[in-house]
Protein backbone atom coordinates (compact mmCIF):
# COMPACT_ATOMS: atom_id res chain seq x y z
CA MET A 1 21.65 13.82 8.38
CA SER A 2 20.18 10.84 6.72
CA LEU A 3 18.52 7.55 8.13
CA SER A 4 20.66 3.84 7.07
CA ILE A 5 18.56 1.47 5.53
CA GLU A 6 19.00 -0.68 8.57
CA LEU A 7 17.90 2.18 11.49
CA LEU A 8 14.63 2.79 8.76
CA LYS A 9 14.07 -1.23 8.28
CA GLN A 10 13.58 -1.02 12.53
CA LEU A 11 11.05 1.90 12.78
CA PRO A 12 7.41 0.88 12.22
CA LYS A 13 5.81 1.53 9.39
CA ALA A 14 2.28 1.20 7.44
CA GLU A 15 2.32 0.09 4.17
CA LEU A 16 -1.42 0.59 2.60
CA HIS A 17 -0.63 0.11 -1.37
CA ARG A 18 0.45 -3.89 -1.38
CA HIS A 19 -1.12 -6.22 -4.43
CA ILE A 20 -0.96 -9.63 -3.19
CA ASP A 21 -0.43 -11.35 -6.27
CA GLY A 22 2.70 -8.57 -7.16
CA SER A 23 4.20 -9.58 -3.97
CA CYS A 24 3.97 -13.55 -4.38
CA ARG A 25 7.66 -15.40 -3.66
CA PRO A 26 8.86 -16.22 -6.79
CA SER A 27 10.12 -19.45 -4.08
CA THR A 28 6.25 -20.55 -3.85
CA ILE A 29 5.01 -19.77 -7.29
CA PHE A 30 7.53 -22.16 -8.51
CA GLU A 31 5.95 -24.42 -5.69
CA LEU A 32 2.89 -24.28 -6.17
CA ALA A 33 3.12 -24.54 -9.82
CA LYS A 34 5.19 -27.88 -9.36
CA ASN A 35 2.57 -29.23 -7.25
CA GLN A 36 -0.71 -28.07 -9.08
CA ASN A 37 1.21 -29.33 -11.98
CA ILE A 38 0.70 -26.37 -14.15
CA ASN A 39 3.59 -25.51 -16.81
CA ILE A 40 5.23 -21.85 -16.60
CA ASN A 41 7.94 -22.50 -18.49
CA PHE A 42 10.54 -22.07 -16.13
CA THR A 43 12.76 -24.94 -14.71
CA THR A 44 14.74 -23.14 -11.27
CA VAL A 45 13.33 -20.24 -9.19
CA ASN A 46 16.06 -17.97 -10.05
CA GLU A 47 14.88 -17.95 -13.81
CA ILE A 48 11.19 -17.19 -12.42
CA GLU A 49 12.20 -13.94 -10.42
CA GLN A 50 14.52 -12.55 -12.54
CA TYR A 51 11.73 -13.06 -14.94
CA LEU A 52 9.11 -11.15 -12.66
CA PHE A 53 11.40 -8.00 -12.07
CA VAL A 54 10.44 -5.02 -13.93
CA GLY A 55 13.65 -3.96 -15.08
CA ASN A 56 14.83 0.00 -16.52
CA GLU A 57 13.64 -1.95 -19.78
CA CYS A 58 9.98 -1.34 -18.97
CA THR A 59 7.72 1.02 -20.56
CA SER A 60 4.66 1.44 -20.12
CA LEU A 61 1.88 0.25 -17.06
CA GLU A 62 0.16 -1.77 -19.36
CA VAL A 63 3.59 -3.45 -19.94
CA TYR A 64 4.73 -4.18 -16.07
CA LEU A 65 0.79 -5.74 -16.07
CA GLN A 66 1.61 -8.49 -18.56
CA LYS A 67 4.39 -9.67 -15.79
CA PHE A 68 1.58 -10.95 -13.11
CA LYS A 69 -0.49 -13.43 -16.40
CA ILE A 70 2.53 -15.98 -14.35
CA VAL A 71 1.61 -15.79 -11.13
CA GLN A 72 -2.25 -15.59 -11.62
CA LYS A 73 -1.80 -19.07 -12.82
CA VAL A 74 -1.21 -20.78 -9.74
CA LEU A 75 -3.56 -18.97 -7.63
CA HIS A 76 -6.98 -20.29 -8.18
CA THR A 77 -7.06 -22.67 -5.14
CA LYS A 78 -8.42 -21.74 -1.70
CA GLU A 79 -4.91 -23.08 -0.59
CA SER A 80 -2.46 -21.04 -2.70
CA LEU A 81 -4.01 -17.70 -2.24
CA THR A 82 -4.42 -17.98 1.72
CA ARG A 83 -0.84 -19.36 1.63
CA VAL A 84 0.02 -16.28 -0.34
CA THR A 85 -1.77 -13.81 1.56
CA PHE A 86 0.24 -15.26 5.13
CA GLU A 87 3.41 -14.43 3.47
CA CYS A 88 2.88 -12.21 2.06
CA CYS A 89 1.62 -10.56 6.12
CA GLU A 90 4.93 -12.78 7.10
CA ASP A 91 7.25 -10.66 4.31
CA ALA A 92 6.39 -6.65 5.81
CA VAL A 93 6.89 -7.92 9.50
CA LYS A 94 10.30 -8.47 8.20
CA GLU A 95 10.28 -4.61 6.99
CA GLY A 96 9.31 -3.08 10.52
CA ILE A 97 5.29 -3.15 9.18
CA LYS A 98 2.64 -3.01 11.79
CA TYR A 99 -0.14 -2.18 9.95
CA LEU A 100 -0.24 -3.76 6.68
CA GLU A 101 -3.26 -2.69 4.00
CA LEU A 102 -3.61 -5.89 0.61
CA ARG A 103 -4.85 -5.66 -2.22
CA PHE A 104 -6.38 -8.15 -4.57
CA SER A 105 -8.84 -8.57 -7.70
CA PRO A 106 -11.00 -12.00 -6.74
CA ILE A 107 -12.34 -11.84 -10.59
CA LEU A 108 -8.86 -13.29 -11.49
CA HIS A 109 -8.46 -16.24 -9.68
CA LEU A 110 -11.35 -17.61 -10.60
CA ALA A 111 -9.90 -19.61 -13.32
CA ARG A 112 -10.84 -23.51 -11.73
CA GLY A 113 -14.32 -22.58 -10.42
CA LEU A 114 -14.09 -21.07 -7.52
CA SER A 115 -17.00 -18.16 -7.32
CA ILE A 116 -15.58 -14.50 -5.64
CA SER A 117 -16.96 -15.36 -2.39
CA GLU A 118 -15.16 -17.59 -1.81
CA VAL A 119 -11.60 -16.58 -3.15
CA ILE A 120 -12.54 -13.61 -0.53
CA ALA A 121 -12.40 -16.27 1.94
CA ALA A 122 -9.50 -17.93 1.35
CA VAL A 123 -7.81 -14.47 1.40
CA CYS A 124 -9.26 -13.52 4.42
CA GLN A 125 -8.13 -16.87 6.16
CA GLY A 126 -4.53 -15.79 4.64
CA ARG A 127 -5.23 -12.83 6.64
CA TYR A 128 -6.59 -14.38 10.25
CA LEU A 129 -3.62 -16.70 10.51
CA ALA A 130 -1.24 -14.06 10.06
CA GLN A 131 -2.42 -11.96 12.92
CA LEU A 132 -2.14 -14.82 15.60
CA THR A 133 0.81 -15.55 14.21
CA TYR A 134 2.24 -11.90 14.30
CA PRO A 135 2.97 -8.42 15.41
CA ILE A 136 0.51 -7.34 12.87
CA ARG A 137 -3.14 -5.50 11.60
CA VAL A 138 -4.15 -6.23 8.08
CA GLY A 139 -7.32 -5.00 5.89
CA ILE A 140 -7.99 -5.77 2.89
CA ILE A 141 -9.10 -4.07 0.15
CA ILE A 142 -10.80 -5.72 -3.12
CA CYS A 143 -9.95 -4.37 -6.66
CA ALA A 144 -12.19 -3.89 -9.19
CA ILE A 145 -10.74 -3.81 -12.88
CA ARG A 146 -11.19 -0.30 -15.66
CA ASN A 147 -11.45 -1.80 -18.46
CA LYS A 148 -14.00 -5.25 -17.08
CA SER A 149 -17.79 -4.98 -17.13
CA SER A 150 -19.24 -2.39 -14.33
CA ASP A 151 -21.35 -5.78 -13.76
CA LEU A 152 -18.53 -7.34 -12.21
CA SER A 153 -17.46 -4.91 -10.23
CA ILE A 154 -20.90 -4.31 -8.78
CA GLU A 155 -20.86 -8.03 -7.87
CA LEU A 156 -17.31 -7.29 -6.17
CA ALA A 157 -18.34 -4.88 -3.96
CA LYS A 158 -21.72 -6.65 -2.85
CA SER A 159 -18.76 -9.75 -1.94
CA ALA A 160 -16.75 -6.94 0.08
CA SER A 161 -19.74 -6.19 2.30
CA PHE A 162 -19.92 -9.60 3.38
CA PHE A 163 -16.72 -9.90 4.46
CA LYS A 164 -16.46 -6.47 6.36
CA ASP A 165 -16.13 -8.37 9.38
CA GLN A 166 -13.51 -11.09 8.58
CA GLY A 167 -11.26 -7.99 7.73
CA VAL A 168 -11.99 -6.74 4.23
CA ILE A 169 -12.24 -2.54 4.47
CA ALA A 170 -12.55 -0.95 1.06
CA ILE A 171 -12.75 -1.71 -2.23
CA ASP A 172 -10.65 -0.24 -5.05
CA ILE A 173 -9.55 -0.04 -9.19
CA ALA A 174 -6.78 -0.68 -10.50
CA GLY A 175 -5.50 -2.61 -14.07
CA PRO A 176 -5.49 0.11 -17.24
CA GLU A 177 -5.93 3.35 -16.38
CA ASN A 178 -6.57 5.25 -19.78
CA GLY A 179 -9.01 4.89 -21.97
CA TYR A 180 -10.90 3.46 -18.52
CA PRO A 181 -12.56 6.16 -16.55
CA ALA A 182 -12.99 5.71 -12.56
CA HIS A 183 -16.82 6.69 -13.44
CA LEU A 184 -17.51 3.39 -15.20
CA HIS A 185 -17.96 1.68 -12.36
CA GLN A 186 -19.69 4.93 -9.88
CA ASP A 187 -22.45 1.86 -8.91
CA ALA A 188 -19.68 0.04 -7.23
CA PHE A 189 -18.50 2.58 -5.12
CA LYS A 190 -21.89 3.57 -4.04
CA ILE A 191 -22.72 0.23 -2.86
CA ALA A 192 -19.43 0.17 -0.63
CA GLN A 193 -19.99 3.75 0.79
CA LEU A 194 -23.89 2.63 1.38
CA ASN A 195 -22.10 -0.36 3.30
CA ASP A 196 -19.75 1.18 4.96
CA LEU A 197 -16.40 0.41 3.39
CA HIS A 198 -13.69 3.18 2.79
CA SER A 199 -12.36 3.07 -1.25
CA THR A 200 -8.70 4.51 -3.00
CA VAL A 201 -8.84 4.13 -6.45
CA HIS A 202 -5.35 3.74 -8.45
CA SER A 203 -5.74 7.26 -10.61
CA GLY A 204 -2.99 9.77 -12.02
CA GLU A 205 -0.03 7.20 -12.75
CA ALA A 206 -0.94 6.49 -16.49
CA ASP A 207 -3.52 9.41 -17.61
CA SER A 208 -3.33 12.62 -16.41
CA TRP A 209 -5.05 15.10 -13.64
CA LYS A 210 -8.31 14.42 -15.15
CA SER A 211 -7.87 10.90 -14.30
CA ILE A 212 -7.81 12.19 -11.24
CA GLU A 213 -10.47 14.30 -10.61
CA ASN A 214 -13.01 12.14 -12.21
CA ALA A 215 -11.89 9.52 -9.44
CA LEU A 216 -13.21 12.02 -6.87
CA ASN A 217 -15.92 13.51 -8.68
CA SER A 218 -17.90 9.85 -9.89
CA CYS A 219 -16.60 7.63 -6.65
CA ASN A 220 -16.36 9.62 -4.15
CA THR A 221 -12.38 7.89 -3.62
CA MET A 222 -11.18 8.59 0.10
CA ARG A 223 -7.77 7.88 -0.62
CA LEU A 224 -5.68 8.27 -4.78
CA GLY A 225 -3.45 5.39 -5.54
CA HIS A 226 -0.79 6.78 -7.51
CA ALA A 227 -1.90 10.06 -8.47
CA VAL A 228 1.51 11.20 -9.57
CA ASN A 229 -0.18 13.75 -12.31
CA LEU A 230 -1.71 15.91 -9.80
CA VAL A 231 1.20 17.95 -10.43
CA GLN A 232 0.19 18.67 -13.01
CA ASN A 233 -2.80 21.36 -11.73
CA ASN A 234 -2.07 23.28 -8.91
CA GLU A 235 -5.78 23.62 -8.06
CA LEU A 236 -6.65 20.18 -7.67
CA LEU A 237 -3.68 19.87 -5.62
CA ASN A 238 -5.27 22.82 -3.17
CA TRP A 239 -8.23 21.29 -2.73
CA ILE A 240 -7.11 17.48 -2.51
CA ILE A 241 -4.44 19.51 0.16
CA ASP A 242 -7.99 21.31 2.13
CA ARG A 243 -10.29 18.17 2.18
CA GLU A 244 -6.72 15.91 3.26
CA ILE A 245 -7.31 13.31 0.59
CA PRO A 246 -3.86 11.21 0.91
CA ALA A 247 -1.97 9.45 -2.20
CA GLU A 248 -0.16 6.32 -1.99
CA CYS A 249 2.64 7.34 -3.45
CA CYS A 250 5.05 3.79 -4.89
CA ILE A 251 7.74 5.00 -5.92
CA THR A 252 10.03 2.40 -7.05
CA SER A 253 6.97 1.89 -9.51
CA ASN A 254 6.38 4.35 -10.86
CA LEU A 255 9.97 4.69 -12.69
CA GLN A 256 10.07 1.47 -13.35
CA THR A 257 6.20 2.05 -15.52
CA LYS A 258 7.33 5.48 -16.41
CA ALA A 259 4.95 7.55 -14.73
CA VAL A 260 7.91 9.51 -13.89
CA ILE A 261 11.20 9.75 -15.24
CA ASP A 262 13.97 10.08 -12.97
CA VAL A 263 13.56 9.37 -9.43
CA LYS A 264 14.16 13.24 -8.60
CA ASP A 265 11.07 13.62 -10.26
CA HIS A 266 8.73 12.01 -8.35
CA PRO A 267 6.74 14.90 -6.51
CA ILE A 268 5.74 13.16 -3.15
CA LYS A 269 8.77 15.55 -1.39
CA LEU A 270 7.16 18.33 -2.92
CA PHE A 271 3.67 16.74 -1.61
CA VAL A 272 5.20 16.56 2.45
CA GLU A 273 6.53 20.22 2.09
CA ASN A 274 3.38 21.35 0.72
CA GLY A 275 0.71 19.03 3.18
CA LEU A 276 -0.51 16.84 1.20
CA VAL A 277 -0.90 13.38 3.17
CA ALA A 278 1.69 11.16 1.30
CA VAL A 279 2.18 8.15 2.16
CA PRO A 280 5.49 5.65 0.35
CA CYS A 281 4.54 2.26 -0.12
CA CYS A 282 5.32 -0.52 -2.20
CA ASP A 283 3.17 -1.49 -4.88
CA ASN A 284 4.29 -4.81 -5.82
CA VAL A 285 6.82 -5.94 -4.09
CA THR A 286 8.54 -9.17 -6.43
CA MET A 287 8.40 -7.42 -9.35
CA SER A 288 10.02 -3.84 -8.59
CA SER A 289 11.94 -5.95 -5.73
CA ILE A 290 11.10 -3.39 -3.39
CA THR A 291 10.65 -3.32 0.57
CA LEU A 292 9.37 -0.90 2.37
CA ASP A 293 12.65 -0.04 3.82
CA VAL A 294 13.94 0.62 1.24
CA GLU A 295 11.49 3.10 -0.24
CA TYR A 296 11.81 4.84 2.75
CA ASN A 297 15.73 4.88 2.03
CA ILE A 298 14.97 6.53 -1.47
CA CYS A 299 13.46 8.98 0.23
CA SER A 300 16.10 9.30 2.69
CA GLN A 301 19.01 9.33 0.20
CA HIS A 302 17.95 10.64 -3.61
CA LEU A 303 15.58 12.82 -2.26
CA ASN A 304 17.00 13.57 0.01
CA MET A 305 14.58 13.99 2.81
CA THR A 306 15.00 15.44 6.39
CA ILE A 307 14.75 12.70 9.45
CA PRO A 308 11.57 14.74 10.64
CA GLN A 309 9.70 14.38 7.58
CA ILE A 310 10.50 10.92 7.71
CA LEU A 311 8.47 10.53 11.01
CA LYS A 312 5.77 12.42 8.82
CA LEU A 313 5.09 9.98 6.00
CA ILE A 314 5.54 7.07 8.95
CA ASP A 315 2.50 9.08 10.52
CA ASN A 316 0.61 9.96 7.69
CA GLY A 317 1.81 5.99 6.63
CA PHE A 318 -1.29 5.15 10.10
CA LYS A 319 -3.08 8.30 9.90
CA ALA A 320 -4.40 6.98 6.16
CA SER A 321 -5.18 3.89 6.68
CA PHE A 322 -8.64 3.03 6.35
CA THR A 323 -8.93 1.10 10.64
CA ASN A 324 -10.62 2.56 12.94
CA SER A 325 -10.10 6.08 14.56
CA ILE A 326 -9.65 4.70 17.91
CA GLU A 327 -6.81 1.79 16.77
CA LYS A 328 -5.68 4.14 13.97
CA TYR A 329 -5.01 7.23 17.40
CA TRP A 330 -3.25 4.20 19.23
CA LEU A 331 -1.71 2.95 15.92
CA ARG A 332 -0.09 6.78 15.63
CA ILE A 333 1.13 6.94 19.70
CA GLY A 334 2.32 4.05 18.84
CA ALA A 335 4.61 4.20 15.82
CA ILE A 336 5.92 7.28 16.39
CA ASN A 337 7.32 7.02 19.82
CA GLU A 338 8.93 4.10 19.20
CA CYS A 339 10.37 5.81 16.49
CA ILE A 340 11.16 8.41 18.63
CA SER A 341 13.21 5.61 21.38
CA ILE A 342 14.62 4.19 18.39
CA LEU A 343 16.34 7.53 17.12
CA ASN A 344 17.42 8.31 20.67
CA LYS A 345 19.35 5.24 20.77
CA ALA A 346 20.93 5.33 18.29
CA GLY A 347 22.35 9.45 18.98
CA PHE A 348 19.37 11.23 17.28
CA ASP A 349 18.85 14.85 19.19
CA SER A 350 15.06 13.38 19.35
CA LYS A 351 13.77 16.67 21.33
CA GLU A 352 15.09 18.21 18.56
CA ILE A 353 12.92 16.12 15.25
CA ILE A 354 10.19 16.92 17.73
CA ASN A 355 10.85 19.98 17.54
CA SER A 356 10.81 19.99 14.27
CA THR A 357 8.63 18.28 13.44
CA ASP A 358 4.77 19.07 12.34
CA ILE A 359 3.47 16.36 13.82
CA PRO A 360 0.45 16.20 16.20
CA GLN A 361 2.78 17.00 20.35
CA GLN A 362 -0.49 15.65 21.78
CA LEU A 363 0.86 12.34 20.11
CA PHE A 364 4.69 11.94 22.44
CA ALA A 365 5.20 11.06 25.17
CA HIS A 366 6.79 13.88 27.68
CA TYR A 367 10.29 14.34 28.34
CA SER A 368 11.35 13.71 31.99
CA ASN A 369 14.73 14.18 33.29
CA GLU A 370 16.10 14.09 29.54
CA LYS A 371 14.33 10.58 28.67
CA LEU A 372 11.42 9.79 27.23
CA VAL A 373 8.34 8.78 29.40
CA PRO A 374 6.65 6.40 27.90
CA ILE A 375 2.27 7.68 27.72
CA ILE A 376 1.55 5.35 30.29
CA ASP A 377 3.81 6.41 33.04
CA ASN A 378 1.46 9.33 33.07
CA PHE A 379 -1.89 7.59 33.89
CA LYS A 380 0.42 6.86 36.68
């Protein structure tokens, strides 16, 4: 039995791969352009929305990335960066997201005189305001760009380190993959590691498994962004599974960039069945016209993943997060037991689901008289 989109929206989830500039509201882009007297050649919000949406006509990642230019035109002030960050968090709450990691590249927002540090500070302010307003935990990931200089990447890593206490948790490399190997930016990752920042790398999306291997060997990355081409090398796949290196899987985005041709070709189900820590993610909410509950619905409806597998994906999201180990543990406990409670109320056999999943049993609350007993009751 599959889960409805309405039920999937209720389930608490973690989103680990979401770009701020790819997830801005079209209405906000329109308003910011108007307020800043920037000509974006569109007269209505609907025109912007239709332009930004990447449909089946997209032929590659490089074509997909062209859509970002119009958004980046209006994101060169502190106010605009704070606003869109806050709104990204606000929208995530509506999708049932309890933990969110947003990423962006500060070097794309310097055209009107802001420094890298001022850009990061503005985004961190949006995160702070969102956490004050909504029941969500948010981390910020700083992206270097593959086809930019390694010196810029080093500067980004150093700047990111200064904002650890304001929500910056990791660095990443994004941008065109083919022809721009990760090892060109390895010094930035060494700086991040020395400053106790986490790391993830876009890899195996628009290049082969060798790009993934390069990211692992040169950058010592802790997570992989996309990684669809990991299926090309079973030895590397098993090596990653053994080390529990998570993969941020963006099904809809991968279809649009032609990383996979058909939804049934996406390896996320194969990853889960083989024990890889796979996590459904949106990548770019606006460009892909997607939400996280819909990504989970694709797993359920189109890839025929079972309810225990869906719960495993949800747990993987919190397990693979870059938050501290104590918060991660309690996020996992809270999320998985809330999922069981919601499914129980919807008429599903919770005991059967728990017994069928390979999620650690200690994360589940105990049963008493056929009903779930909240964990706190066990300490009375």
